[in-house]
Amino acid sequence: MNKTEMIIMRCSVSEKSIISRMAEKCGMGISEYCRQQAMQGEVWAIPKLSSEEVEYFHLLKAYCVNFNRIANLIRNKDLSLLDAIRELVSNLTQLQKRII
């Protein structure tokens, strides 16, 4: 959507500082922050993720895809897969016991 119209708003220095910090905390510019605040009545501050957290989310996504594939294969009753899953669970259990 083209944003061609302007609204001019006056505020104090301290208000502008607060609005700027809130916009930055939400990862937005001041205009976008004010627009969402006016249109929706609230803006959710989503904290920036560290590179380690982003990496964890990518791993979780990969695990989710793999578990969905496994579930689909089980649903299709691939018997050889059931044996492979049992073996994998056994190996993972042994690794877990060694770690703990």
Protein backbone atom coordinates (compact mmCIF):
# COMPACT_ATOMS: atom_id res chain seq x y z
CA MET A 1 0.00 0.00 0.00
CA ASN A 2 1.37 3.40 -0.98
CA LYS A 3 1.86 5.72 1.94
CA THR A 4 1.56 9.17 0.40
CA GLU A 5 -0.38 11.07 3.06
CA MET A 6 1.33 12.75 6.01
CA ILE A 7 0.16 13.47 9.54
CA ILE A 8 2.20 15.96 11.51
CA MET A 9 2.23 15.40 15.25
CA ARG A 10 3.67 17.60 17.96
CA CYS A 11 5.18 16.18 21.14
CA SER A 12 7.68 17.16 23.81
CA VAL A 13 11.33 16.14 23.69
CA SER A 14 10.79 13.55 26.41
CA GLU A 15 7.72 12.12 24.63
CA LYS A 16 9.70 11.82 21.40
CA SER A 17 12.50 10.09 23.29
CA ILE A 18 10.05 7.59 24.80
CA ILE A 19 8.37 6.97 21.42
CA SER A 20 11.76 6.50 19.76
CA ARG A 21 12.90 3.99 22.40
CA MET A 22 9.63 2.06 22.18
CA ALA A 23 9.82 1.95 18.39
CA GLU A 24 13.42 0.76 18.54
CA LYS A 25 12.52 -1.88 21.12
CA CYS A 26 9.82 -3.15 18.73
CA GLY A 27 12.24 -3.14 15.81
CA MET A 28 10.28 -0.44 13.96
CA GLY A 29 10.72 3.09 12.76
CA ILE A 30 8.86 5.87 14.53
CA SER A 31 6.27 6.24 11.75
CA GLU A 32 5.52 2.53 11.62
CA TYR A 33 5.30 2.33 15.41
CA CYS A 34 2.91 5.31 15.65
CA ARG A 35 0.83 3.96 12.75
CA GLN A 36 0.40 0.53 14.39
CA GLN A 37 -0.27 2.09 17.78
CA ALA A 38 -3.00 4.28 16.29
CA MET A 39 -4.56 1.58 14.08
CA GLN A 40 -4.37 -1.41 16.44
CA GLY A 41 -4.15 0.21 19.85
CA GLU A 42 -1.10 -1.85 20.79
CA VAL A 43 2.28 -2.84 19.47
CA TRP A 44 4.04 -5.99 20.60
CA ALA A 45 7.71 -5.62 21.35
CA ILE A 46 9.51 -8.61 19.93
CA PRO A 47 13.03 -8.76 21.33
CA LYS A 48 15.85 -9.27 18.88
CA LEU A 49 17.23 -12.79 18.96
CA SER A 50 20.88 -13.56 19.40
CA SER A 51 22.63 -15.51 16.66
CA GLU A 52 22.62 -18.55 18.96
CA GLU A 53 18.84 -18.29 19.44
CA VAL A 54 18.32 -17.95 15.68
CA GLU A 55 20.44 -21.08 15.18
CA TYR A 56 18.30 -22.96 17.73
CA PHE A 57 15.13 -21.96 15.88
CA HIS A 58 16.61 -23.23 12.60
CA LEU A 59 17.44 -26.53 14.32
CA LEU A 60 13.92 -26.77 15.73
CA LYS A 61 12.49 -26.16 12.27
CA ALA A 62 14.70 -28.91 10.81
CA TYR A 63 13.62 -31.29 13.60
CA CYS A 64 9.98 -30.44 12.95
CA VAL A 65 10.34 -31.22 9.25
CA ASN A 66 12.08 -34.51 10.04
CA PHE A 67 9.46 -35.55 12.60
CA ASN A 68 6.70 -34.75 10.10
CA ARG A 69 8.42 -36.95 7.52
CA ILE A 70 8.72 -39.75 10.04
CA ALA A 71 5.06 -39.38 11.02
CA ASN A 72 4.02 -39.54 7.36
CA LEU A 73 6.08 -42.67 6.79
CA ILE A 74 4.61 -44.32 9.89
CA ARG A 75 1.13 -43.35 8.77
CA ASN A 76 1.85 -45.08 5.46
CA LYS A 77 2.87 -48.18 7.44
CA ASP A 78 6.43 -48.55 6.24
CA LEU A 79 7.46 -51.51 8.42
CA SER A 80 11.17 -51.16 7.73
CA LEU A 81 10.95 -47.66 9.12
CA LEU A 82 9.52 -48.92 12.40
CA ASP A 83 12.62 -51.08 12.91
CA ALA A 84 14.88 -48.13 12.09
CA ILE A 85 13.00 -45.92 14.57
CA ARG A 86 13.30 -48.54 17.32
CA GLU A 87 17.04 -48.76 16.69
CA LEU A 88 17.39 -44.97 16.70
CA VAL A 89 15.45 -44.65 19.96
CA SER A 90 17.63 -47.32 21.52
CA ASN A 91 20.81 -45.54 20.41
CA LEU A 92 19.55 -42.18 21.65
CA THR A 93 18.59 -43.71 25.00
CA GLN A 94 22.08 -45.15 25.38
CA LEU A 95 23.64 -41.78 24.52
CA GLN A 96 21.38 -40.05 27.01
CA LYS A 97 22.43 -42.47 29.75
CA ARG A 98 26.10 -41.83 28.98
CA ILE A 99 25.61 -38.05 29.13
CA ILE A 100 23.64 -38.10 32.37
